[in-house]
């Protein structure tokens, strides 16, 4: 299982997302049933290399947010129009069975 490390965002909104992108990170959100939205930031280069090397929409990922493990699937990826950059990601938390 592929592991991605993330940290919670302190601020949300357009201006804070721009600052995150300037620091070579990706703003993202994790949501799911019976789970409040968690706003996070990821390192761009790490995530970009993972996306290039595997089929990310079909596999489950292990997302570690501040030392807490979550099993998620990639819901959507927003990319820049002509640059090879990721602008935003959505993760769907897989419910525990």
PDB file of N, CA and C in Angstrom:
ATOM      1  N   UNK A   1       0.845  -1.177   0.000  1.00  0.00           N
ATOM      2  CA  UNK A   1       0.000   0.000   0.000  1.00  0.00           C
ATOM      3  C   UNK A   1       0.895   1.245   0.000  1.00  0.00           C
ATOM      4  N   UNK A   2       0.538   2.198  -0.808  1.00  0.00           N
ATOM      5  CA  UNK A   2       1.323   3.420  -0.941  1.00  0.00           C
ATOM      6  C   UNK A   2       0.998   4.360   0.210  1.00  0.00           C
ATOM      7  N   UNK A   3       2.029   4.958   0.789  1.00  0.00           N
ATOM      8  CA  UNK A   3       1.868   5.839   1.938  1.00  0.00           C
ATOM      9  C   UNK A   3       2.193   7.268   1.542  1.00  0.00           C
ATOM     10  N   UNK A   4       1.313   8.191   1.953  1.00  0.00           N
ATOM     11  CA  UNK A   4       1.522   9.621   1.731  1.00  0.00           C
ATOM     12  C   UNK A   4       1.410  10.322   3.068  1.00  0.00           C
ATOM     13  N   UNK A   5       2.386  11.170   3.381  1.00  0.00           N
ATOM     14  CA  UNK A   5       2.371  11.939   4.625  1.00  0.00           C
ATOM     15  C   UNK A   5       1.791  13.324   4.357  1.00  0.00           C
ATOM     16  N   UNK A   6       0.972  13.810   5.290  1.00  0.00           N
ATOM     17  CA  UNK A   6       0.340  15.118   5.142  1.00  0.00           C
ATOM     18  C   UNK A   6       0.274  15.807   6.504  1.00  0.00           C
ATOM     19  N   UNK A   7       0.044  17.105   6.454  1.00  0.00           N
ATOM     20  CA  UNK A   7      -0.179  17.873   7.673  1.00  0.00           C
ATOM     21  C   UNK A   7      -1.467  18.668   7.517  1.00  0.00           C
ATOM     22  N   UNK A   8      -2.117  18.955   8.644  1.00  0.00           N
ATOM     23  CA  UNK A   8      -3.336  19.749   8.604  1.00  0.00           C
ATOM     24  C   UNK A   8      -3.005  21.193   8.269  1.00  0.00           C
ATOM     25  N   UNK A   9      -3.916  21.817   7.536  1.00  0.00           N
ATOM     26  CA  UNK A   9      -3.753  23.230   7.198  1.00  0.00           C
ATOM     27  C   UNK A   9      -4.269  24.077   8.350  1.00  0.00           C
ATOM     28  N   UNK A  10      -3.575  25.163   8.604  1.00  0.00           N
ATOM     29  CA  UNK A  10      -3.994  26.077   9.656  1.00  0.00           C
ATOM     30  C   UNK A  10      -5.050  27.055   9.163  1.00  0.00           C
ATOM     31  N   UNK A  11      -4.962  27.447   7.885  1.00  0.00           N
ATOM     32  CA  UNK A  11      -5.914  28.369   7.287  1.00  0.00           C
ATOM     33  C   UNK A  11      -6.468  27.741   6.014  1.00  0.00           C
ATOM     34  N   UNK A  12      -7.711  28.092   5.683  1.00  0.00           N
ATOM     35  CA  UNK A  12      -8.296  27.641   4.429  1.00  0.00           C
ATOM     36  C   UNK A  12      -8.732  28.858   3.634  1.00  0.00           C
ATOM     37  N   UNK A  13      -8.867  28.678   2.335  1.00  0.00           N
ATOM     38  CA  UNK A  13      -9.278  29.766   1.464  1.00  0.00           C
ATOM     39  C   UNK A  13      -8.314  29.935   0.305  1.00  0.00           C
ATOM     40  N   UNK A  14      -8.655  30.856  -0.566  1.00  0.00           N
ATOM     41  CA  UNK A  14      -7.889  31.061  -1.791  1.00  0.00           C
ATOM     42  C   UNK A  14      -6.487  31.576  -1.523  1.00  0.00           C
ATOM     43  N   UNK A  15      -6.354  32.569  -0.667  1.00  0.00           N
ATOM     44  CA  UNK A  15      -5.035  33.160  -0.437  1.00  0.00           C
ATOM     45  C   UNK A  15      -4.097  32.188   0.273  1.00  0.00           C
ATOM     46  N   UNK A  16      -4.624  31.421   1.214  1.00  0.00           N
ATOM     47  CA  UNK A  16      -3.762  30.450   1.888  1.00  0.00           C
ATOM     48  C   UNK A  16      -3.367  29.312   0.953  1.00  0.00           C
ATOM     49  N   UNK A  17      -4.271  28.942   0.026  1.00  0.00           N
ATOM     50  CA  UNK A  17      -3.934  27.900  -0.951  1.00  0.00           C
ATOM     51  C   UNK A  17      -2.833  28.366  -1.890  1.00  0.00           C
ATOM     52  N   UNK A  18      -2.857  29.640  -2.266  1.00  0.00           N
ATOM     53  CA  UNK A  18      -1.784  30.180  -3.108  1.00  0.00           C
ATOM     54  C   UNK A  18      -0.446  30.138  -2.377  1.00  0.00           C
ATOM     55  N   UNK A  19      -0.454  30.477  -1.106  1.00  0.00           N
ATOM     56  CA  UNK A  19       0.790  30.425  -0.322  1.00  0.00           C
ATOM     57  C   UNK A  19       1.307  29.002  -0.214  1.00  0.00           C
ATOM     58  N   UNK A  20       0.408  28.049  -0.060  1.00  0.00           N
ATOM     59  CA  UNK A  20       0.814  26.641   0.009  1.00  0.00           C
ATOM     60  C   UNK A  20       1.465  26.222  -1.300  1.00  0.00           C
ATOM     61  N   UNK A  21       0.870  26.617  -2.435  1.00  0.00           N
ATOM     62  CA  UNK A  21       1.433  26.246  -3.738  1.00  0.00           C
ATOM     63  C   UNK A  21       2.784  26.903  -3.986  1.00  0.00           C
ATOM     64  N   UNK A  22       2.986  28.112  -3.483  1.00  0.00           N
ATOM     65  CA  UNK A  22       4.282  28.777  -3.635  1.00  0.00           C
ATOM     66  C   UNK A  22       5.379  28.067  -2.854  1.00  0.00           C
ATOM     67  N   UNK A  23       5.008  27.332  -1.803  1.00  0.00           N
ATOM     68  CA  UNK A  23       5.971  26.567  -1.006  1.00  0.00           C
ATOM     69  C   UNK A  23       6.130  25.139  -1.504  1.00  0.00           C
ATOM     70  N   UNK A  24       5.740  24.873  -2.772  1.00  0.00           N
ATOM     71  CA  UNK A  24       5.877  23.559  -3.406  1.00  0.00           C
ATOM     72  C   UNK A  24       5.068  22.485  -2.676  1.00  0.00           C
ATOM     73  N   UNK A  25       3.865  22.847  -2.248  1.00  0.00           N
ATOM     74  CA  UNK A  25       2.953  21.906  -1.620  1.00  0.00           C
ATOM     75  C   UNK A  25       1.617  21.956  -2.341  1.00  0.00           C
ATOM     76  N   UNK A  26       0.752  20.986  -2.039  1.00  0.00           N
ATOM     77  CA  UNK A  26      -0.555  20.883  -2.661  1.00  0.00           C
ATOM     78  C   UNK A  26      -1.617  21.013  -1.577  1.00  0.00           C
ATOM     79  N   UNK A  27      -2.584  21.919  -1.743  1.00  0.00           N
ATOM     80  CA  UNK A  27      -3.725  21.904  -0.827  1.00  0.00           C
ATOM     81  C   UNK A  27      -4.649  20.744  -1.190  1.00  0.00           C
ATOM     82  N   UNK A  28      -5.197  20.103  -0.169  1.00  0.00           N
ATOM     83  CA  UNK A  28      -6.063  18.946  -0.404  1.00  0.00           C
ATOM     84  C   UNK A  28      -7.120  18.878   0.688  1.00  0.00           C
ATOM     85  N   UNK A  29      -8.084  18.000   0.479  1.00  0.00           N
ATOM     86  CA  UNK A  29      -9.135  17.785   1.461  1.00  0.00           C
ATOM     87  C   UNK A  29      -9.443  16.288   1.526  1.00  0.00           C
ATOM     88  N   UNK A  30      -9.750  15.806   2.741  1.00  0.00           N
ATOM     89  CA  UNK A  30     -10.175  14.424   2.937  1.00  0.00           C
ATOM     90  C   UNK A  30     -11.580  14.461   3.511  1.00  0.00           C
ATOM     91  N   UNK A  31     -12.483  13.675   2.928  1.00  0.00           N
ATOM     92  CA  UNK A  31     -13.852  13.623   3.412  1.00  0.00           C
ATOM     93  C   UNK A  31     -14.378  12.210   3.268  1.00  0.00           C
ATOM     94  N   UNK A  32     -15.506  11.954   3.892  1.00  0.00           N
ATOM     95  CA  UNK A  32     -16.117  10.643   3.809  1.00  0.00           C
ATOM     96  C   UNK A  32     -17.350  10.569   4.675  1.00  0.00           C
ATOM     97  N   UNK A  33     -18.012   9.409   4.675  1.00  0.00           N
ATOM     98  CA  UNK A  33     -19.200   9.268   5.511  1.00  0.00           C
ATOM     99  C   UNK A  33     -18.824   9.266   6.995  1.00  0.00           C
ATOM    100  N   UNK A  34     -19.613   9.955   7.780  1.00  0.00           N
ATOM    101  CA  UNK A  34     -19.404  10.067   9.232  1.00  0.00           C
ATOM    102  C   UNK A  34     -18.032  10.623   9.574  1.00  0.00           C
ATOM    103  N   UNK A  35     -17.492  11.459   8.699  1.00  0.00           N
ATOM    104  CA  UNK A  35     -16.161  12.038   8.893  1.00  0.00           C
ATOM    105  C   UNK A  35     -16.224  13.507   8.490  1.00  0.00           C
ATOM    106  N   UNK A  36     -15.834  14.404   9.372  1.00  0.00           N
ATOM    107  CA  UNK A  36     -15.821  15.816   8.963  1.00  0.00           C
ATOM    108  C   UNK A  36     -14.702  16.065   7.952  1.00  0.00           C
ATOM    109  N   UNK A  37     -14.837  17.128   7.180  1.00  0.00           N
ATOM    110  CA  UNK A  37     -13.810  17.473   6.209  1.00  0.00           C
ATOM    111  C   UNK A  37     -12.518  17.828   6.927  1.00  0.00           C
ATOM    112  N   UNK A  38     -11.409  17.286   6.430  1.00  0.00           N
ATOM    113  CA  UNK A  38     -10.093  17.578   6.979  1.00  0.00           C
ATOM    114  C   UNK A  38      -9.277  18.236   5.871  1.00  0.00           C
ATOM    115  N   UNK A  39      -8.855  19.473   6.103  1.00  0.00           N
ATOM    116  CA  UNK A  39      -8.077  20.222   5.120  1.00  0.00           C
ATOM    117  C   UNK A  39      -6.600  19.986   5.384  1.00  0.00           C
ATOM    118  N   UNK A  40      -5.882  19.519   4.359  1.00  0.00           N
ATOM    119  CA  UNK A  40      -4.486  19.105   4.529  1.00  0.00           C
ATOM    120  C   UNK A  40      -3.620  19.713   3.434  1.00  0.00           C
ATOM    121  N   UNK A  41      -2.309  19.560   3.614  1.00  0.00           N
ATOM    122  CA  UNK A  41      -1.346  19.942   2.581  1.00  0.00           C
ATOM    123  C   UNK A  41      -0.336  18.820   2.424  1.00  0.00           C
ATOM    124  N   UNK A  42       0.076  18.595   1.159  1.00  0.00           N
ATOM    125  CA  UNK A  42       0.980  17.514   0.791  1.00  0.00           C
ATOM    126  C   UNK A  42       2.175  18.085   0.048  1.00  0.00           C
ATOM    127  N   UNK A  43       3.286  17.364   0.057  1.00  0.00           N
ATOM    128  CA  UNK A  43       4.458  17.774  -0.722  1.00  0.00           C
ATOM    129  C   UNK A  43       4.236  17.421  -2.186  1.00  0.00           C
ATOM    130  N   UNK A  44       4.376  18.413  -3.051  1.00  0.00           N
ATOM    131  CA  UNK A  44       4.049  18.248  -4.472  1.00  0.00           C
ATOM    132  C   UNK A  44       4.910  17.193  -5.147  1.00  0.00           C
ATOM    133  N   UNK A  45       6.212  17.246  -4.976  1.00  0.00           N
ATOM    134  CA  UNK A  45       7.103  16.331  -5.702  1.00  0.00           C
ATOM    135  C   UNK A  45       6.861  14.877  -5.327  1.00  0.00           C
ATOM    136  N   UNK A  46       6.590  14.604  -4.063  1.00  0.00           N
ATOM    137  CA  UNK A  46       6.339  13.229  -3.622  1.00  0.00           C
ATOM    138  C   UNK A  46       5.053  12.700  -4.249  1.00  0.00           C
ATOM    139  N   UNK A  47       3.992  13.489  -4.184  1.00  0.00           N
ATOM    140  CA  UNK A  47       2.700  13.063  -4.721  1.00  0.00           C
ATOM    141  C   UNK A  47       2.756  12.954  -6.241  1.00  0.00           C
ATOM    142  N   UNK A  48       3.423  13.883  -6.886  1.00  0.00           N
ATOM    143  CA  UNK A  48       3.521  13.862  -8.341  1.00  0.00           C
ATOM    144  C   UNK A  48       4.221  12.595  -8.829  1.00  0.00           C
ATOM    145  N   UNK A  49       5.287  12.173  -8.154  1.00  0.00           N
ATOM    146  CA  UNK A  49       5.997  10.947  -8.540  1.00  0.00           C
ATOM    147  C   UNK A  49       5.148   9.707  -8.293  1.00  0.00           C
ATOM    148  N   UNK A  50       4.355   9.702  -7.226  1.00  0.00           N
ATOM    149  CA  UNK A  50       3.478   8.560  -6.953  1.00  0.00           C
ATOM    150  C   UNK A  50       2.412   8.447  -8.037  1.00  0.00           C
ATOM    151  N   UNK A  51       1.858   9.575  -8.437  1.00  0.00           N
ATOM    152  CA  UNK A  51       0.811   9.574  -9.457  1.00  0.00           C
ATOM    153  C   UNK A  51       1.345   9.106 -10.805  1.00  0.00           C
ATOM    154  N   UNK A  52       2.575   9.462 -11.122  1.00  0.00           N
ATOM    155  CA  UNK A  52       3.168   9.029 -12.393  1.00  0.00           C
ATOM    156  C   UNK A  52       3.394   7.531 -12.448  1.00  0.00           C
ATOM    157  N   UNK A  53       3.679   6.907 -11.307  1.00  0.00           N
ATOM    158  CA  UNK A  53       4.113   5.517 -11.288  1.00  0.00           C
ATOM    159  C   UNK A  53       3.024   4.494 -10.999  1.00  0.00           C
ATOM    160  N   UNK A  54       1.805   4.910 -10.702  1.00  0.00           N
ATOM    161  CA  UNK A  54       0.766   3.922 -10.419  1.00  0.00           C
ATOM    162  C   UNK A  54      -0.599   4.448 -10.847  1.00  0.00           C
ATOM    163  N   UNK A  55      -1.568   3.561 -10.852  1.00  0.00           N
ATOM    164  CA  UNK A  55      -2.933   3.926 -11.191  1.00  0.00           C
ATOM    165  C   UNK A  55      -3.621   4.403  -9.907  1.00  0.00           C
ATOM    166  N   UNK A  56      -3.592   5.685  -9.673  1.00  0.00           N
ATOM    167  CA  UNK A  56      -3.991   6.223  -8.376  1.00  0.00           C
ATOM    168  C   UNK A  56      -5.489   6.195  -8.126  1.00  0.00           C
ATOM    169  N   UNK A  57      -6.299   6.197  -9.159  1.00  0.00           N
ATOM    170  CA  UNK A  57      -7.743   6.226  -8.936  1.00  0.00           C
ATOM    171  C   UNK A  57      -8.306   4.867  -8.510  1.00  0.00           C
ATOM    172  N   UNK A  58      -7.584   3.785  -8.764  1.00  0.00           N
ATOM    173  CA  UNK A  58      -8.083   2.456  -8.435  1.00  0.00           C
ATOM    174  C   UNK A  58      -7.532   1.903  -7.127  1.00  0.00           C
ATOM    175  N   UNK A  59      -6.358   2.350  -6.714  1.00  0.00           N
ATOM    176  CA  UNK A  59      -5.718   1.791  -5.531  1.00  0.00           C
ATOM    177  C   UNK A  59      -6.103   2.558  -4.273  1.00  0.00           C
ATOM    178  N   UNK A  60      -6.074   1.842  -3.162  1.00  0.00           N
ATOM    179  CA  UNK A  60      -6.256   2.481  -1.863  1.00  0.00           C
ATOM    180  C   UNK A  60      -4.895   2.973  -1.385  1.00  0.00           C
ATOM    181  N   UNK A  61      -4.891   4.106  -0.729  1.00  0.00           N
ATOM    182  CA  UNK A  61      -3.664   4.712  -0.227  1.00  0.00           C
ATOM    183  C   UNK A  61      -3.735   4.832   1.279  1.00  0.00           C
ATOM    184  N   UNK A  62      -2.594   4.852   1.908  1.00  0.00           N
ATOM    185  CA  UNK A  62      -2.504   5.099   3.338  1.00  0.00           C
ATOM    186  C   UNK A  62      -2.076   6.547   3.514  1.00  0.00           C
ATOM    187  N   UNK A  63      -2.977   7.373   4.015  1.00  0.00           N
ATOM    188  CA  UNK A  63      -2.723   8.788   4.215  1.00  0.00           C
ATOM    189  C   UNK A  63      -2.476   9.014   5.699  1.00  0.00           C
ATOM    190  N   UNK A  64      -1.290   9.486   6.036  1.00  0.00           N
ATOM    191  CA  UNK A  64      -0.923   9.734   7.433  1.00  0.00           C
ATOM    192  C   UNK A  64      -0.974  11.232   7.676  1.00  0.00           C
ATOM    193  N   UNK A  65      -1.957  11.647   8.482  1.00  0.00           N
ATOM    194  CA  UNK A  65      -2.146  13.058   8.806  1.00  0.00           C
ATOM    195  C   UNK A  65      -1.785  13.254  10.262  1.00  0.00           C
ATOM    196  N   UNK A  66      -0.679  13.940  10.507  1.00  0.00           N
ATOM    197  CA  UNK A  66      -0.208  14.200  11.871  1.00  0.00           C
ATOM    198  C   UNK A  66      -0.181  12.926  12.715  1.00  0.00           C
ATOM    199  N   UNK A  67       0.446  11.868  12.183  1.00  0.00           N
ATOM    200  CA  UNK A  67       0.671  10.584  12.842  1.00  0.00           C
ATOM    201  C   UNK A  67      -0.607   9.765  13.032  1.00  0.00           C
ATOM    202  N   UNK A  68      -1.683  10.078  12.354  1.00  0.00           N
ATOM    203  CA  UNK A  68      -2.921   9.293  12.393  1.00  0.00           C
ATOM    204  C   UNK A  68      -3.134   8.707  11.000  1.00  0.00           C
ATOM    205  N   UNK A  69      -3.356   7.396  10.930  1.00  0.00           N
ATOM    206  CA  UNK A  69      -3.464   6.707   9.648  1.00  0.00           C
ATOM    207  C   UNK A  69      -4.913   6.652   9.170  1.00  0.00           C
ATOM    208  N   UNK A  70      -5.098   6.909   7.870  1.00  0.00           N
ATOM    209  CA  UNK A  70      -6.404   6.843   7.230  1.00  0.00           C
ATOM    210  C   UNK A  70      -6.243   6.101   5.912  1.00  0.00           C
ATOM    211  N   UNK A  71      -7.183   5.210   5.618  1.00  0.00           N
ATOM    212  CA  UNK A  71      -7.181   4.536   4.323  1.00  0.00           C
ATOM    213  C   UNK A  71      -8.124   5.314   3.417  1.00  0.00           C
ATOM    214  N   UNK A  72      -7.588   5.775   2.279  1.00  0.00           N
ATOM    215  CA  UNK A  72      -8.337   6.667   1.394  1.00  0.00           C
ATOM    216  C   UNK A  72      -8.191   6.217  -0.055  1.00  0.00           C
ATOM    217  N   UNK A  73      -9.060   6.772  -0.889  1.00  0.00           N
ATOM    218  CA  UNK A  73      -8.944   6.640  -2.336  1.00  0.00           C
ATOM    219  C   UNK A  73      -8.925   8.045  -2.912  1.00  0.00           C
ATOM    220  N   UNK A  74      -8.243   8.212  -4.026  1.00  0.00           N
ATOM    221  CA  UNK A  74      -8.198   9.515  -4.686  1.00  0.00           C
ATOM    222  C   UNK A  74      -9.535   9.736  -5.382  1.00  0.00           C
ATOM    223  N   UNK A  75     -10.216  10.815  -5.018  1.00  0.00           N
ATOM    224  CA  UNK A  75     -11.504  11.132  -5.640  1.00  0.00           C
ATOM    225  C   UNK A  75     -11.309  11.990  -6.888  1.00  0.00           C
ATOM    226  N   UNK A  76     -10.481  13.040  -6.769  1.00  0.00           N
ATOM    227  CA  UNK A  76     -10.223  13.880  -7.936  1.00  0.00           C
ATOM    228  C   UNK A  76      -8.868  14.566  -7.798  1.00  0.00           C
ATOM    229  N   UNK A  77      -8.298  14.883  -8.940  1.00  0.00           N
ATOM    230  CA  UNK A  77      -7.034  15.616  -9.005  1.00  0.00           C
ATOM    231  C   UNK A  77      -7.237  16.764  -9.977  1.00  0.00           C
ATOM    232  N   UNK A  78      -6.955  17.973  -9.513  1.00  0.00           N
ATOM    233  CA  UNK A  78      -7.030  19.137 -10.390  1.00  0.00           C
ATOM    234  C   UNK A  78      -5.616  19.501 -10.805  1.00  0.00           C
ATOM    235  N   UNK A  79      -5.404  19.608 -12.100  1.00  0.00           N
ATOM    236  CA  UNK A  79      -4.078  19.897 -12.641  1.00  0.00           C
ATOM    237  C   UNK A  79      -4.053  21.272 -13.281  1.00  0.00           C
ATOM    238  N   UNK A  80      -2.850  21.821 -13.373  1.00  0.00           N
ATOM    239  CA  UNK A  80      -2.667  23.097 -14.055  1.00  0.00           C
ATOM    240  C   UNK A  80      -2.896  22.890 -15.550  1.00  0.00           C
ATOM    241  N   UNK A  81      -3.337  23.934 -16.232  1.00  0.00           N
ATOM    242  CA  UNK A  81      -3.723  23.812 -17.633  1.00  0.00           C
ATOM    243  C   UNK A  81      -2.553  23.409 -18.527  1.00  0.00           C
ATOM    244  N   UNK A  82      -1.396  24.075 -18.387  1.00  0.00           N
ATOM    245  CA  UNK A  82      -0.286  23.754 -19.277  1.00  0.00           C
ATOM    246  C   UNK A  82       1.022  23.442 -18.559  1.00  0.00           C
ATOM    247  N   UNK A  83       1.091  23.600 -17.257  1.00  0.00           N
ATOM    248  CA  UNK A  83       2.281  23.214 -16.498  1.00  0.00           C
ATOM    249  C   UNK A  83       2.073  21.817 -15.919  1.00  0.00           C
ATOM    250  N   UNK A  84       3.151  21.084 -15.679  1.00  0.00           N
ATOM    251  CA  UNK A  84       2.985  19.762 -15.066  1.00  0.00           C
ATOM    252  C   UNK A  84       2.855  19.869 -13.542  1.00  0.00           C
ATOM    253  N   UNK A  85       1.837  20.570 -13.075  1.00  0.00           N
ATOM    254  CA  UNK A  85       1.625  20.782 -11.640  1.00  0.00           C
ATOM    255  C   UNK A  85       0.242  20.298 -11.234  1.00  0.00           C
ATOM    256  N   UNK A  86       0.156  19.866  -9.990  1.00  0.00           N
ATOM    257  CA  UNK A  86      -1.126  19.520  -9.397  1.00  0.00           C
ATOM    258  C   UNK A  86      -1.576  20.724  -8.581  1.00  0.00           C
ATOM    259  N   UNK A  87      -2.825  21.125  -8.759  1.00  0.00           N
ATOM    260  CA  UNK A  87      -3.345  22.307  -8.073  1.00  0.00           C
ATOM    261  C   UNK A  87      -4.079  21.923  -6.791  1.00  0.00           C
ATOM    262  N   UNK A  88      -4.861  20.823  -6.820  1.00  0.00           N
ATOM    263  CA  UNK A  88      -5.656  20.431  -5.660  1.00  0.00           C
ATOM    264  C   UNK A  88      -5.994  18.954  -5.766  1.00  0.00           C
ATOM    265  N   UNK A  89      -6.182  18.294  -4.610  1.00  0.00           N
ATOM    266  CA  UNK A  89      -6.570  16.885  -4.588  1.00  0.00           C
ATOM    267  C   UNK A  89      -7.698  16.678  -3.597  1.00  0.00           C
ATOM    268  N   UNK A  90      -8.576  15.720  -3.914  1.00  0.00           N
ATOM    269  CA  UNK A  90      -9.640  15.292  -3.015  1.00  0.00           C
ATOM    270  C   UNK A  90      -9.426  13.817  -2.699  1.00  0.00           C
ATOM    271  N   UNK A  91      -9.513  13.479  -1.414  1.00  0.00           N
ATOM    272  CA  UNK A  91      -9.406  12.091  -0.966  1.00  0.00           C
ATOM    273  C   UNK A  91     -10.718  11.682  -0.321  1.00  0.00           C
ATOM    274  N   UNK A  92     -11.158  10.457  -0.620  1.00  0.00           N
ATOM    275  CA  UNK A  92     -12.366   9.914  -0.023  1.00  0.00           C
ATOM    276  C   UNK A  92     -11.945   8.866   1.000  1.00  0.00           C
ATOM    277  N   UNK A  93     -12.351   9.058   2.254  1.00  0.00           N
ATOM    278  CA  UNK A  93     -11.982   8.107   3.317  1.00  0.00           C
ATOM    279  C   UNK A  93     -12.846   6.862   3.184  1.00  0.00           C
ATOM    280  N   UNK A  94     -12.183   5.721   3.098  1.00  0.00           N
ATOM    281  CA  UNK A  94     -12.871   4.432   2.975  1.00  0.00           C
ATOM    282  C   UNK A  94     -13.419   4.056   4.344  1.00  0.00           C
ATOM    283  N   UNK A  95     -14.717   3.758   4.440  1.00  0.00           N
ATOM    284  CA  UNK A  95     -15.287   3.416   5.756  1.00  0.00           C
ATOM    285  C   UNK A  95     -14.725   2.079   6.261  1.00  0.00           C
ATOM    286  N   UNK A  96     -14.538   2.013   7.564  1.00  0.00           N
ATOM    287  CA  UNK A  96     -14.046   0.771   8.204  1.00  0.00           C
ATOM    288  C   UNK A  96     -15.162  -0.250   8.247  1.00  0.00           C
ATOM    289  N   UNK A  97     -14.799  -1.496   7.958  1.00  0.00           N
ATOM    290  CA  UNK A  97     -15.814  -2.582   7.987  1.00  0.00           C
ATOM    291  C   UNK A  97     -15.506  -3.561   9.073  1.00  0.00           C
TER     292      UNK A  97
END
